[in-house]
Amino acid sequence: MHLVAKALTTCQVDREGDYLRLSFEVQNGRTSSVTLPIECAQSLLMTLPGMIERALKARHGDEDYRLVYPTGGWTLHAAAHSDQRVLTLQTTDGFKVAFALSPEDADRMASSLADDHASREHALAVN
């Protein structure tokens, strides 16, 4: 059965954390839902951003178009039992995503941000 959703109405997690249920308003004002095991939901989470970006590029006819969200905050902390750091980025509306950073990645990121900041400061001082 193929349904065309008009709007996402509710999202639920079962008590054990094994399944997600997404409910939608579909054509003719009816509702329908899909229940996904958490592993399937994780795969979907990894797939959707790329699909949305491809759709937006096609819609706008612009290969440089990007799916971008404003940053509402971030945290960085040590991962338990690892030399990695966990970088969590949050949008202003509460969406969060966390990334594991190796010490090398964290160093490269810090250097990149410092270099970019220094370049902008220099450019502003010259102008």
PDB file of N, CA and C in Angstrom:
ATOM      1  N   MET A   1       0.834  -1.177   0.000  1.00  0.00           N
ATOM      2  CA  MET A   1       0.000   0.000   0.000  1.00  0.00           C
ATOM      3  C   MET A   1       0.879   1.239   0.000  1.00  0.00           C
ATOM      4  N   HIS A   2       0.620   2.161  -0.897  1.00  0.00           N
ATOM      5  CA  HIS A   2       1.367   3.407  -0.995  1.00  0.00           C
ATOM      6  C   HIS A   2       0.483   4.559  -0.526  1.00  0.00           C
ATOM      7  N   LEU A   3       0.965   5.307   0.461  1.00  0.00           N
ATOM      8  CA  LEU A   3       0.243   6.468   0.978  1.00  0.00           C
ATOM      9  C   LEU A   3       1.076   7.721   0.741  1.00  0.00           C
ATOM     10  N   VAL A   4       0.406   8.815   0.488  1.00  0.00           N
ATOM     11  CA  VAL A   4       1.087  10.103   0.359  1.00  0.00           C
ATOM     12  C   VAL A   4       0.737  10.916   1.599  1.00  0.00           C
ATOM     13  N   ALA A   5       1.753  11.188   2.414  1.00  0.00           N
ATOM     14  CA  ALA A   5       1.529  11.927   3.657  1.00  0.00           C
ATOM     15  C   ALA A   5       1.417  13.416   3.379  1.00  0.00           C
ATOM     16  N   LYS A   6       0.511  14.072   4.105  1.00  0.00           N
ATOM     17  CA  LYS A   6       0.369  15.533   4.028  1.00  0.00           C
ATOM     18  C   LYS A   6       1.091  16.203   5.189  1.00  0.00           C
ATOM     19  N   ALA A   7       1.133  15.521   6.346  1.00  0.00           N
ATOM     20  CA  ALA A   7       1.772  16.101   7.529  1.00  0.00           C
ATOM     21  C   ALA A   7       2.106  15.009   8.529  1.00  0.00           C
ATOM     22  N   LEU A   8       3.227  15.183   9.213  1.00  0.00           N
ATOM     23  CA  LEU A   8       3.587  14.322  10.340  1.00  0.00           C
ATOM     24  C   LEU A   8       2.797  14.817  11.539  1.00  0.00           C
ATOM     25  N   THR A   9       2.058  13.921  12.209  1.00  0.00           N
ATOM     26  CA  THR A   9       1.211  14.368  13.319  1.00  0.00           C
ATOM     27  C   THR A   9       1.762  13.984  14.689  1.00  0.00           C
ATOM     28  N   THR A  10       2.256  12.766  14.851  1.00  0.00           N
ATOM     29  CA  THR A  10       2.807  12.362  16.144  1.00  0.00           C
ATOM     30  C   THR A  10       3.984  11.417  15.947  1.00  0.00           C
ATOM     31  N   CYS A  11       4.844  11.398  16.944  1.00  0.00           N
ATOM     32  CA  CYS A  11       5.986  10.487  16.989  1.00  0.00           C
ATOM     33  C   CYS A  11       5.998   9.852  18.375  1.00  0.00           C
ATOM     34  N   GLN A  12       6.152   8.537  18.426  1.00  0.00           N
ATOM     35  CA  GLN A  12       6.140   7.840  19.708  1.00  0.00           C
ATOM     36  C   GLN A  12       7.276   6.820  19.759  1.00  0.00           C
ATOM     37  N   VAL A  13       7.736   6.534  20.970  1.00  0.00           N
ATOM     38  CA  VAL A  13       8.731   5.499  21.218  1.00  0.00           C
ATOM     39  C   VAL A  13       8.102   4.505  22.184  1.00  0.00           C
ATOM     40  N   ASP A  14       8.242   3.201  21.910  1.00  0.00           N
ATOM     41  CA  ASP A  14       7.682   2.215  22.839  1.00  0.00           C
ATOM     42  C   ASP A  14       8.486   2.203  24.142  1.00  0.00           C
ATOM     43  N   ARG A  15       7.924   1.641  25.193  1.00  0.00           N
ATOM     44  CA  ARG A  15       8.551   1.663  26.530  1.00  0.00           C
ATOM     45  C   ARG A  15       9.938   1.057  26.553  1.00  0.00           C
ATOM     46  N   GLU A  16      10.140   0.014  25.775  1.00  0.00           N
ATOM     47  CA  GLU A  16      11.425  -0.684  25.778  1.00  0.00           C
ATOM     48  C   GLU A  16      12.469   0.006  24.898  1.00  0.00           C
ATOM     49  N   GLY A  17      12.038   0.964  24.084  1.00  0.00           N
ATOM     50  CA  GLY A  17      12.956   1.648  23.193  1.00  0.00           C
ATOM     51  C   GLY A  17      13.321   0.837  21.965  1.00  0.00           C
ATOM     52  N   ASP A  18      12.482  -0.139  21.623  1.00  0.00           N
ATOM     53  CA  ASP A  18      12.767  -1.000  20.476  1.00  0.00           C
ATOM     54  C   ASP A  18      12.146  -0.502  19.177  1.00  0.00           C
ATOM     55  N   TYR A  19      11.078   0.289  19.266  1.00  0.00           N
ATOM     56  CA  TYR A  19      10.335   0.717  18.080  1.00  0.00           C
ATOM     57  C   TYR A  19       9.974   2.199  18.144  1.00  0.00           C
ATOM     58  N   LEU A  20       9.892   2.803  16.962  1.00  0.00           N
ATOM     59  CA  LEU A  20       9.367   4.152  16.807  1.00  0.00           C
ATOM     60  C   LEU A  20       8.084   4.052  15.996  1.00  0.00           C
ATOM     61  N   ARG A  21       7.124   4.890  16.337  1.00  0.00           N
ATOM     62  CA  ARG A  21       5.880   4.952  15.558  1.00  0.00           C
ATOM     63  C   ARG A  21       5.691   6.379  15.078  1.00  0.00           C
ATOM     64  N   LEU A  22       5.563   6.542  13.766  1.00  0.00           N
ATOM     65  CA  LEU A  22       5.334   7.839  13.153  1.00  0.00           C
ATOM     66  C   LEU A  22       3.932   7.852  12.576  1.00  0.00           C
ATOM     67  N   SER A  23       3.138   8.827  12.965  1.00  0.00           N
ATOM     68  CA  SER A  23       1.768   8.944  12.461  1.00  0.00           C
ATOM     69  C   SER A  23       1.667  10.145  11.538  1.00  0.00           C
ATOM     70  N   PHE A  24       0.882   9.988  10.474  1.00  0.00           N
ATOM     71  CA  PHE A  24       0.754  11.003   9.440  1.00  0.00           C
ATOM     72  C   PHE A  24      -0.698  11.274   9.115  1.00  0.00           C
ATOM     73  N   GLU A  25      -0.960  12.509   8.713  1.00  0.00           N
ATOM     74  CA  GLU A  25      -2.224  12.832   8.073  1.00  0.00           C
ATOM     75  C   GLU A  25      -2.011  12.515   6.597  1.00  0.00           C
ATOM     76  N   VAL A  26      -2.934  11.754   6.031  1.00  0.00           N
ATOM     77  CA  VAL A  26      -2.825  11.384   4.619  1.00  0.00           C
ATOM     78  C   VAL A  26      -3.994  11.983   3.855  1.00  0.00           C
ATOM     79  N   GLN A  27      -4.121  11.633   2.604  1.00  0.00           N
ATOM     80  CA  GLN A  27      -5.194  12.168   1.764  1.00  0.00           C
ATOM     81  C   GLN A  27      -6.557  11.916   2.387  1.00  0.00           C
ATOM     82  N   ASN A  28      -7.497  12.772   2.078  1.00  0.00           N
ATOM     83  CA  ASN A  28      -8.881  12.696   2.563  1.00  0.00           C
ATOM     84  C   ASN A  28      -8.987  12.869   4.070  1.00  0.00           C
ATOM     85  N   GLY A  29      -7.971  13.478   4.720  1.00  0.00           N
ATOM     86  CA  GLY A  29      -8.029  13.751   6.146  1.00  0.00           C
ATOM     87  C   GLY A  29      -7.849  12.534   7.045  1.00  0.00           C
ATOM     88  N   ARG A  30      -7.566  11.396   6.465  1.00  0.00           N
ATOM     89  CA  ARG A  30      -7.354  10.187   7.274  1.00  0.00           C
ATOM     90  C   ARG A  30      -5.958  10.207   7.882  1.00  0.00           C
ATOM     91  N   THR A  31      -5.743   9.306   8.833  1.00  0.00           N
ATOM     92  CA  THR A  31      -4.420   9.162   9.423  1.00  0.00           C
ATOM     93  C   THR A  31      -3.908   7.757   9.152  1.00  0.00           C
ATOM     94  N   SER A  32      -2.597   7.649   9.160  1.00  0.00           N
ATOM     95  CA  SER A  32      -1.949   6.366   8.997  1.00  0.00           C
ATOM     96  C   SER A  32      -0.647   6.431   9.780  1.00  0.00           C
ATOM     97  N   SER A  33      -0.072   5.279  10.072  1.00  0.00           N
ATOM     98  CA  SER A  33       1.180   5.281  10.813  1.00  0.00           C
ATOM     99  C   SER A  33       2.084   4.166  10.314  1.00  0.00           C
ATOM    100  N   VAL A  34       3.352   4.323  10.640  1.00  0.00           N
ATOM    101  CA  VAL A  34       4.344   3.301  10.348  1.00  0.00           C
ATOM    102  C   VAL A  34       5.130   3.071  11.631  1.00  0.00           C
ATOM    103  N   THR A  35       5.386   1.808  11.939  1.00  0.00           N
ATOM    104  CA  THR A  35       6.179   1.441  13.108  1.00  0.00           C
ATOM    105  C   THR A  35       7.486   0.860  12.609  1.00  0.00           C
ATOM    106  N   LEU A  36       8.589   1.408  13.117  1.00  0.00           N
ATOM    107  CA  LEU A  36       9.911   1.004  12.669  1.00  0.00           C
ATOM    108  C   LEU A  36      10.732   0.480  13.830  1.00  0.00           C
ATOM    109  N   PRO A  37      11.445  -0.634  13.644  1.00  0.00           N
ATOM    110  CA  PRO A  37      12.410  -1.026  14.669  1.00  0.00           C
ATOM    111  C   PRO A  37      13.507   0.039  14.727  1.00  0.00           C
ATOM    112  N   ILE A  38      14.118   0.217  15.876  1.00  0.00           N
ATOM    113  CA  ILE A  38      15.094   1.285  16.072  1.00  0.00           C
ATOM    114  C   ILE A  38      16.225   1.211  15.055  1.00  0.00           C
ATOM    115  N   GLU A  39      16.657   0.009  14.671  1.00  0.00           N
ATOM    116  CA  GLU A  39      17.733  -0.129  13.691  1.00  0.00           C
ATOM    117  C   GLU A  39      17.314   0.446  12.337  1.00  0.00           C
ATOM    118  N   CYS A  40      16.079   0.232  11.958  1.00  0.00           N
ATOM    119  CA  CYS A  40      15.563   0.784  10.706  1.00  0.00           C
ATOM    120  C   CYS A  40      15.472   2.306  10.805  1.00  0.00           C
ATOM    121  N   ALA A  41      15.046   2.812  11.945  1.00  0.00           N
ATOM    122  CA  ALA A  41      14.955   4.260  12.147  1.00  0.00           C
ATOM    123  C   ALA A  41      16.340   4.899  12.068  1.00  0.00           C
ATOM    124  N   GLN A  42      17.365   4.223  12.609  1.00  0.00           N
ATOM    125  CA  GLN A  42      18.729   4.747  12.524  1.00  0.00           C
ATOM    126  C   GLN A  42      19.195   4.807  11.070  1.00  0.00           C
ATOM    127  N   SER A  43      18.883   3.793  10.286  1.00  0.00           N
ATOM    128  CA  SER A  43      19.229   3.810   8.862  1.00  0.00           C
ATOM    129  C   SER A  43      18.514   4.947   8.150  1.00  0.00           C
ATOM    130  N   LEU A  44      17.250   5.149   8.488  1.00  0.00           N
ATOM    131  CA  LEU A  44      16.476   6.226   7.888  1.00  0.00           C
ATOM    132  C   LEU A  44      17.079   7.585   8.249  1.00  0.00           C
ATOM    133  N   LEU A  45      17.493   7.739   9.492  1.00  0.00           N
ATOM    134  CA  LEU A  45      18.113   8.986   9.951  1.00  0.00           C
ATOM    135  C   LEU A  45      19.367   9.305   9.150  1.00  0.00           C
ATOM    136  N   MET A  46      20.152   8.300   8.813  1.00  0.00           N
ATOM    137  CA  MET A  46      21.377   8.508   8.047  1.00  0.00           C
ATOM    138  C   MET A  46      21.080   8.777   6.568  1.00  0.00           C
ATOM    139  N   THR A  47      19.943   8.331   6.073  1.00  0.00           N
ATOM    140  CA  THR A  47      19.586   8.446   4.668  1.00  0.00           C
ATOM    141  C   THR A  47      18.863   9.746   4.346  1.00  0.00           C
ATOM    142  N   LEU A  48      17.996  10.214   5.230  1.00  0.00           N
ATOM    143  CA  LEU A  48      17.137  11.370   4.936  1.00  0.00           C
ATOM    144  C   LEU A  48      17.870  12.667   4.607  1.00  0.00           C
ATOM    145  N   PRO A  49      18.910  13.069   5.326  1.00  0.00           N
ATOM    146  CA  PRO A  49      19.545  14.346   4.982  1.00  0.00           C
ATOM    147  C   PRO A  49      20.049  14.394   3.536  1.00  0.00           C
ATOM    148  N   GLY A  50      20.667  13.328   3.065  1.00  0.00           N
ATOM    149  CA  GLY A  50      21.142  13.286   1.683  1.00  0.00           C
ATOM    150  C   GLY A  50      20.005  13.321   0.686  1.00  0.00           C
ATOM    151  N   MET A  51      18.919  12.604   0.986  1.00  0.00           N
ATOM    152  CA  MET A  51      17.761  12.607   0.094  1.00  0.00           C
ATOM    153  C   MET A  51      17.128  13.993   0.027  1.00  0.00           C
ATOM    154  N   ILE A  52      17.002  14.646   1.181  1.00  0.00           N
ATOM    155  CA  ILE A  52      16.410  15.984   1.220  1.00  0.00           C
ATOM    156  C   ILE A  52      17.296  16.967   0.460  1.00  0.00           C
ATOM    157  N   GLU A  53      18.610  16.851   0.632  1.00  0.00           N
ATOM    158  CA  GLU A  53      19.513  17.753  -0.072  1.00  0.00           C
ATOM    159  C   GLU A  53      19.411  17.555  -1.586  1.00  0.00           C
ATOM    160  N   ARG A  54      19.336  16.304  -2.038  1.00  0.00           N
ATOM    161  CA  ARG A  54      19.171  16.050  -3.480  1.00  0.00           C
ATOM    162  C   ARG A  54      17.858  16.633  -3.989  1.00  0.00           C
ATOM    163  N   ALA A  55      16.793  16.480  -3.203  1.00  0.00           N
ATOM    164  CA  ALA A  55      15.489  17.016  -3.602  1.00  0.00           C
ATOM    165  C   ALA A  55      15.537  18.541  -3.680  1.00  0.00           C
ATOM    166  N   LEU A  56      16.164  19.192  -2.714  1.00  0.00           N
ATOM    167  CA  LEU A  56      16.256  20.654  -2.717  1.00  0.00           C
ATOM    168  C   LEU A  56      17.093  21.163  -3.886  1.00  0.00           C
ATOM    169  N   LYS A  57      18.182  20.455  -4.198  1.00  0.00           N
ATOM    170  CA  LYS A  57      19.007  20.845  -5.347  1.00  0.00           C
ATOM    171  C   LYS A  57      18.197  20.739  -6.633  1.00  0.00           C
ATOM    172  N   ALA A  58      17.413  19.672  -6.757  1.00  0.00           N
ATOM    173  CA  ALA A  58      16.574  19.499  -7.946  1.00  0.00           C
ATOM    174  C   ALA A  58      15.486  20.570  -7.991  1.00  0.00           C
ATOM    175  N   ARG A  59      14.845  20.829  -6.871  1.00  0.00           N
ATOM    176  CA  ARG A  59      13.768  21.825  -6.812  1.00  0.00           C
ATOM    177  C   ARG A  59      14.256  23.215  -7.173  1.00  0.00           C
ATOM    178  N   HIS A  60      15.450  23.571  -6.680  1.00  0.00           N
ATOM    179  CA  HIS A  60      15.972  24.925  -6.887  1.00  0.00           C
ATOM    180  C   HIS A  60      16.904  25.020  -8.091  1.00  0.00           C
ATOM    181  N   GLY A  61      17.230  23.877  -8.704  1.00  0.00           N
ATOM    182  CA  GLY A  61      18.117  23.895  -9.860  1.00  0.00           C
ATOM    183  C   GLY A  61      19.495  24.428  -9.543  1.00  0.00           C
ATOM    184  N   ASP A  62      19.986  24.155  -8.340  1.00  0.00           N
ATOM    185  CA  ASP A  62      21.254  24.720  -7.881  1.00  0.00           C
ATOM    186  C   ASP A  62      22.058  23.623  -7.181  1.00  0.00           C
ATOM    187  N   GLU A  63      23.153  23.197  -7.793  1.00  0.00           N
ATOM    188  CA  GLU A  63      23.987  22.133  -7.226  1.00  0.00           C
ATOM    189  C   GLU A  63      24.709  22.561  -5.946  1.00  0.00           C
ATOM    190  N   ASP A  64      24.808  23.858  -5.703  1.00  0.00           N
ATOM    191  CA  ASP A  64      25.460  24.355  -4.487  1.00  0.00           C
ATOM    192  C   ASP A  64      24.490  24.471  -3.310  1.00  0.00           C
ATOM    193  N   TYR A  65      23.210  24.229  -3.545  1.00  0.00           N
ATOM    194  CA  TYR A  65      22.201  24.341  -2.494  1.00  0.00           C
ATOM    195  C   TYR A  65      22.500  23.332  -1.392  1.00  0.00           C
ATOM    196  N   ARG A  66      22.406  23.749  -0.148  1.00  0.00           N
ATOM    197  CA  ARG A  66      22.703  22.894   1.001  1.00  0.00           C
ATOM    198  C   ARG A  66      21.553  22.947   1.996  1.00  0.00           C
ATOM    199  N   LEU A  67      21.356  21.850   2.681  1.00  0.00           N
ATOM    200  CA  LEU A  67      20.418  21.782   3.789  1.00  0.00           C
ATOM    201  C   LEU A  67      21.174  22.274   5.020  1.00  0.00           C
ATOM    202  N   VAL A  68      20.821  23.456   5.524  1.00  0.00           N
ATOM    203  CA  VAL A  68      21.576  24.099   6.600  1.00  0.00           C
ATOM    204  C   VAL A  68      20.612  24.536   7.695  1.00  0.00           C
ATOM    205  N   TYR A  69      21.017  24.313   8.935  1.00  0.00           N
ATOM    206  CA  TYR A  69      20.220  24.719  10.092  1.00  0.00           C
ATOM    207  C   TYR A  69      21.028  25.693  10.937  1.00  0.00           C
ATOM    208  N   PRO A  70      20.380  26.689  11.553  1.00  0.00           N
ATOM    209  CA  PRO A  70      21.114  27.592  12.452  1.00  0.00           C
ATOM    210  C   PRO A  70      21.500  26.863  13.740  1.00  0.00           C
ATOM    211  N   THR A  71      22.688  27.170  14.224  1.00  0.00           N
ATOM    212  CA  THR A  71      23.160  26.545  15.458  1.00  0.00           C
ATOM    213  C   THR A  71      22.526  27.244  16.653  1.00  0.00           C
ATOM    214  N   GLY A  72      21.940  26.450  17.544  1.00  0.00           N
ATOM    215  CA  GLY A  72      21.360  26.994  18.757  1.00  0.00           C
ATOM    216  C   GLY A  72      22.247  26.759  19.966  1.00  0.00           C
ATOM    217  N   GLY A  73      23.249  25.918  19.797  1.00  0.00           N
ATOM    218  CA  GLY A  73      24.171  25.623  20.886  1.00  0.00           C
ATOM    219  C   GLY A  73      24.978  24.379  20.579  1.00  0.00           C
ATOM    220  N   TRP A  74      25.968  24.117  21.403  1.00  0.00           N
ATOM    221  CA  TRP A  74      26.790  22.935  21.237  1.00  0.00           C
ATOM    222  C   TRP A  74      27.422  22.576  22.569  1.00  0.00           C
ATOM    223  N   THR A  75      27.788  21.316  22.684  1.00  0.00           N
ATOM    224  CA  THR A  75      28.534  20.852  23.849  1.00  0.00           C
ATOM    225  C   THR A  75      29.655  19.944  23.356  1.00  0.00           C
ATOM    226  N   LEU A  76      30.714  19.870  24.130  1.00  0.00           N
ATOM    227  CA  LEU A  76      31.843  18.998  23.830  1.00  0.00           C
ATOM    228  C   LEU A  76      32.255  18.344  25.132  1.00  0.00           C
ATOM    229  N   HIS A  77      32.279  17.017  25.129  1.00  0.00           N
ATOM    230  CA  HIS A  77      32.715  16.327  26.340  1.00  0.00           C
ATOM    231  C   HIS A  77      33.460  15.050  25.983  1.00  0.00           C
ATOM    232  N   ALA A  78      34.194  14.529  26.949  1.00  0.00           N
ATOM    233  CA  ALA A  78      34.967  13.309  26.749  1.00  0.00           C
ATOM    234  C   ALA A  78      34.025  12.109  26.687  1.00  0.00           C
ATOM    235  N   ALA A  79      34.315  11.206  25.770  1.00  0.00           N
ATOM    236  CA  ALA A  79      33.552   9.961  25.684  1.00  0.00           C
ATOM    237  C   ALA A  79      34.050   9.011  26.768  1.00  0.00           C
ATOM    238  N   ALA A  80      33.132   8.284  27.359  1.00  0.00           N
ATOM    239  CA  ALA A  80      33.506   7.326  28.397  1.00  0.00           C
ATOM    240  C   ALA A  80      34.376   6.215  27.805  1.00  0.00           C
ATOM    241  N   HIS A  81      35.437   5.874  28.497  1.00  0.00           N
ATOM    242  CA  HIS A  81      36.315   4.761  28.122  1.00  0.00           C
ATOM    243  C   HIS A  81      36.933   4.919  26.741  1.00  0.00           C
ATOM    244  N   SER A  82      37.240   6.160  26.345  1.00  0.00           N
ATOM    245  CA  SER A  82      37.780   6.415  25.010  1.00  0.00           C
ATOM    246  C   SER A  82      38.546   7.726  25.025  1.00  0.00           C
ATOM    247  N   ASP A  83      39.435   7.883  24.049  1.00  0.00           N
ATOM    248  CA  ASP A  83      40.132   9.165  23.920  1.00  0.00           C
ATOM    249  C   ASP A  83      39.375  10.116  23.002  1.00  0.00           C
ATOM    250  N   GLN A  84      38.202   9.708  22.565  1.00  0.00           N
ATOM    251  CA  GLN A  84      37.405  10.552  21.687  1.00  0.00           C
ATOM    252  C   GLN A  84      36.630  11.607  22.465  1.00  0.00           C
ATOM    253  N   ARG A  85      36.197  12.636  21.740  1.00  0.00           N
ATOM    254  CA  ARG A  85      35.322  13.665  22.280  1.00  0.00           C
ATOM    255  C   ARG A  85      33.977  13.528  21.588  1.00  0.00           C
ATOM    256  N   VAL A  86      32.908  13.870  22.300  1.00  0.00           N
ATOM    257  CA  VAL A  86      31.570  13.854  21.720  1.00  0.00           C
ATOM    258  C   VAL A  86      31.143  15.302  21.527  1.00  0.00           C
ATOM    259  N   LEU A  87      30.960  15.680  20.256  1.00  0.00           N
ATOM    260  CA  LEU A  87      30.507  17.014  19.892  1.00  0.00           C
ATOM    261  C   LEU A  87      29.023  16.918  19.583  1.00  0.00           C
ATOM    262  N   THR A  88      28.206  17.627  20.366  1.00  0.00           N
ATOM    263  CA  THR A  88      26.770  17.664  20.137  1.00  0.00           C
ATOM    264  C   THR A  88      26.399  19.049  19.643  1.00  0.00           C
ATOM    265  N   LEU A  89      25.757  19.094  18.485  1.00  0.00           N
ATOM    266  CA  LEU A  89      25.271  20.345  17.911  1.00  0.00           C
ATOM    267  C   LEU A  89      23.763  20.380  18.052  1.00  0.00           C
ATOM    268  N   GLN A  90      23.221  21.538  18.388  1.00  0.00           N
ATOM    269  CA  GLN A  90      21.780  21.692  18.577  1.00  0.00           C
ATOM    270  C   GLN A  90      21.286  22.896  17.794  1.00  0.00           C
ATOM    271  N   THR A  91      20.092  22.757  17.194  1.00  0.00           N
ATOM    272  CA  THR A  91      19.471  23.887  16.500  1.00  0.00           C
ATOM    273  C   THR A  91      18.634  24.681  17.492  1.00  0.00           C
ATOM    274  N   THR A  92      18.176  25.829  17.054  1.00  0.00           N
ATOM    275  CA  THR A  92      17.368  26.689  17.915  1.00  0.00           C
ATOM    276  C   THR A  92      16.025  26.057  18.265  1.00  0.00           C
ATOM    277  N   ASP A  93      15.551  25.108  17.438  1.00  0.00           N
ATOM    278  CA  ASP A  93      14.265  24.458  17.735  1.00  0.00           C
ATOM    279  C   ASP A  93      14.426  23.113  18.453  1.00  0.00           C
ATOM    280  N   GLY A  94      15.650  22.784  18.901  1.00  0.00           N
ATOM    281  CA  GLY A  94      15.842  21.618  19.747  1.00  0.00           C
ATOM    282  C   GLY A  94      16.362  20.367  19.068  1.00  0.00           C
ATOM    283  N   PHE A  95      16.541  20.355  17.751  1.00  0.00           N
ATOM    284  CA  PHE A  95      17.114  19.199  17.067  1.00  0.00           C
ATOM    285  C   PHE A  95      18.558  19.050  17.499  1.00  0.00           C
ATOM    286  N   LYS A  96      18.967  17.834  17.860  1.00  0.00           N
ATOM    287  CA  LYS A  96      20.343  17.574  18.296  1.00  0.00           C
ATOM    288  C   LYS A  96      20.925  16.414  17.515  1.00  0.00           C
ATOM    289  N   VAL A  97      22.224  16.507  17.278  1.00  0.00           N
ATOM    290  CA  VAL A  97      22.961  15.394  16.689  1.00  0.00           C
ATOM    291  C   VAL A  97      24.357  15.395  17.306  1.00  0.00           C
ATOM    292  N   ALA A  98      24.867  14.196  17.578  1.00  0.00           N
ATOM    293  CA  ALA A  98      26.173  14.070  18.233  1.00  0.00           C
ATOM    294  C   ALA A  98      27.146  13.340  17.314  1.00  0.00           C
ATOM    295  N   PHE A  99      28.400  13.781  17.370  1.00  0.00           N
ATOM    296  CA  PHE A  99      29.464  13.188  16.569  1.00  0.00           C
ATOM    297  C   PHE A  99      30.615  12.803  17.482  1.00  0.00           C
ATOM    298  N   ALA A 100      31.236  11.646  17.218  1.00  0.00           N
ATOM    299  CA  ALA A 100      32.437  11.241  17.924  1.00  0.00           C
ATOM    300  C   ALA A 100      33.629  11.805  17.172  1.00  0.00           C
ATOM    301  N   LEU A 101      34.486  12.531  17.868  1.00  0.00           N
ATOM    302  CA  LEU A 101      35.681  13.122  17.267  1.00  0.00           C
ATOM    303  C   LEU A 101      36.922  12.446  17.821  1.00  0.00           C
ATOM    304  N   SER A 102      37.761  11.962  16.924  1.00  0.00           N
ATOM    305  CA  SER A 102      39.057  11.443  17.360  1.00  0.00           C
ATOM    306  C   SER A 102      39.898  12.641  17.804  1.00  0.00           C
ATOM    307  N   PRO A 103      40.954  12.413  18.576  1.00  0.00           N
ATOM    308  CA  PRO A 103      41.808  13.534  18.963  1.00  0.00           C
ATOM    309  C   PRO A 103      42.346  14.283  17.735  1.00  0.00           C
ATOM    310  N   GLU A 104      42.666  13.551  16.679  1.00  0.00           N
ATOM    311  CA  GLU A 104      43.182  14.184  15.458  1.00  0.00           C
ATOM    312  C   GLU A 104      42.113  15.051  14.800  1.00  0.00           C
ATOM    313  N   ASP A 105      40.885  14.547  14.720  1.00  0.00           N
ATOM    314  CA  ASP A 105      39.804  15.329  14.130  1.00  0.00           C
ATOM    315  C   ASP A 105      39.522  16.581  14.960  1.00  0.00           C
ATOM    316  N   ALA A 106      39.540  16.436  16.276  1.00  0.00           N
ATOM    317  CA  ALA A 106      39.299  17.592  17.149  1.00  0.00           C
ATOM    318  C   ALA A 106      40.389  18.648  16.947  1.00  0.00           C
ATOM    319  N   ASP A 107      41.641  18.211  16.845  1.00  0.00           N
ATOM    320  CA  ASP A 107      42.749  19.146  16.614  1.00  0.00           C
ATOM    321  C   ASP A 107      42.597  19.849  15.268  1.00  0.00           C
ATOM    322  N   ARG A 108      42.252  19.087  14.220  1.00  0.00           N
ATOM    323  CA  ARG A 108      42.085  19.691  12.890  1.00  0.00           C
ATOM    324  C   ARG A 108      40.919  20.681  12.888  1.00  0.00           C
ATOM    325  N   MET A 109      39.854  20.338  13.586  1.00  0.00           N
ATOM    326  CA  MET A 109      38.703  21.240  13.645  1.00  0.00           C
ATOM    327  C   MET A 109      39.076  22.528  14.372  1.00  0.00           C
ATOM    328  N   ALA A 110      39.748  22.383  15.504  1.00  0.00           N
ATOM    329  CA  ALA A 110      40.163  23.566  16.265  1.00  0.00           C
ATOM    330  C   ALA A 110      41.106  24.439  15.441  1.00  0.00           C
ATOM    331  N   SER A 111      42.044  23.826  14.734  1.00  0.00           N
ATOM    332  CA  SER A 111      42.974  24.592  13.893  1.00  0.00           C
ATOM    333  C   SER A 111      42.240  25.283  12.761  1.00  0.00           C
ATOM    334  N   SER A 112      41.306  24.587  12.152  1.00  0.00           N
ATOM    335  CA  SER A 112      40.535  25.167  11.054  1.00  0.00           C
ATOM    336  C   SER A 112      39.727  26.366  11.524  1.00  0.00           C
ATOM    337  N   LEU A 113      39.091  26.238  12.675  1.00  0.00           N
ATOM    338  CA  LEU A 113      38.317  27.359  13.210  1.00  0.00           C
ATOM    339  C   LEU A 113      39.221  28.519  13.589  1.00  0.00           C
ATOM    340  N   ALA A 114      40.371  28.235  14.179  1.00  0.00           N
ATOM    341  CA  ALA A 114      41.305  29.293  14.569  1.00  0.00           C
ATOM    342  C   ALA A 114      41.867  29.978  13.328  1.00  0.00           C
ATOM    343  N   ASP A 115      42.229  29.205  12.294  1.00  0.00           N
ATOM    344  CA  ASP A 115      42.757  29.790  11.063  1.00  0.00           C
ATOM    345  C   ASP A 115      41.708  30.656  10.387  1.00  0.00           C
ATOM    346  N   ASP A 116      40.466  30.182  10.326  1.00  0.00           N
ATOM    347  CA  ASP A 116      39.387  30.947   9.699  1.00  0.00           C
ATOM    348  C   ASP A 116      39.143  32.246  10.469  1.00  0.00           C
ATOM    349  N   HIS A 117      39.149  32.156  11.800  1.00  0.00           N
ATOM    350  CA  HIS A 117      38.938  33.343  12.634  1.00  0.00           C
ATOM    351  C   HIS A 117      40.064  34.349  12.407  1.00  0.00           C
ATOM    352  N   ALA A 118      41.309  33.875  12.368  1.00  0.00           N
ATOM    353  CA  ALA A 118      42.450  34.757  12.162  1.00  0.00           C
ATOM    354  C   ALA A 118      42.366  35.420  10.789  1.00  0.00           C
ATOM    355  N   SER A 119      41.955  34.669   9.771  1.00  0.00           N
ATOM    356  CA  SER A 119      41.824  35.229   8.427  1.00  0.00           C
ATOM    357  C   SER A 119      40.778  36.333   8.399  1.00  0.00           C
ATOM    358  N   ARG A 120      39.655  36.121   9.059  1.00  0.00           N
ATOM    359  CA  ARG A 120      38.602  37.142   9.078  1.00  0.00           C
ATOM    360  C   ARG A 120      39.064  38.358   9.863  1.00  0.00           C
ATOM    361  N   GLU A 121      39.777  38.145  10.984  1.00  0.00           N
ATOM    362  CA  GLU A 121      40.270  39.287  11.759  1.00  0.00           C
ATOM    363  C   GLU A 121      41.248  40.104  10.929  1.00  0.00           C
ATOM    364  N   HIS A 122      42.126  39.427  10.221  1.00  0.00           N
ATOM    365  CA  HIS A 122      43.115  40.124   9.381  1.00  0.00           C
ATOM    366  C   HIS A 122      42.417  40.907   8.271  1.00  0.00           C
ATOM    367  N   ALA A 123      41.454  40.256   7.633  1.00  0.00           N
ATOM    368  CA  ALA A 123      40.722  40.932   6.545  1.00  0.00           C
ATOM    369  C   ALA A 123      39.989  42.145   7.071  1.00  0.00           C
ATOM    370  N   LEU A 124      39.427  42.043   8.252  1.00  0.00           N
ATOM    371  CA  LEU A 124      38.714  43.195   8.816  1.00  0.00           C
ATOM    372  C   LEU A 124      39.690  44.297   9.180  1.00  0.00           C
ATOM    373  N   ALA A 125      40.876  43.938   9.671  1.00  0.00           N
ATOM    374  CA  ALA A 125      41.856  44.951  10.051  1.00  0.00           C
ATOM    375  C   ALA A 125      42.372  45.701   8.822  1.00  0.00           C
ATOM    376  N   VAL A 126      42.508  45.019   7.690  1.00  0.00           N
ATOM    377  CA  VAL A 126      43.006  45.646   6.469  1.00  0.00           C
ATOM    378  C   VAL A 126      41.946  46.577   5.888  1.00  0.00           C
ATOM    379  N   ASN A 127      40.707  46.163   5.919  1.00  0.00           N
ATOM    380  CA  ASN A 127      39.632  46.982   5.351  1.00  0.00           C
ATOM    381  C   ASN A 127      39.344  48.069   6.303  1.00  0.00           C
TER     382      ASN A 127
END
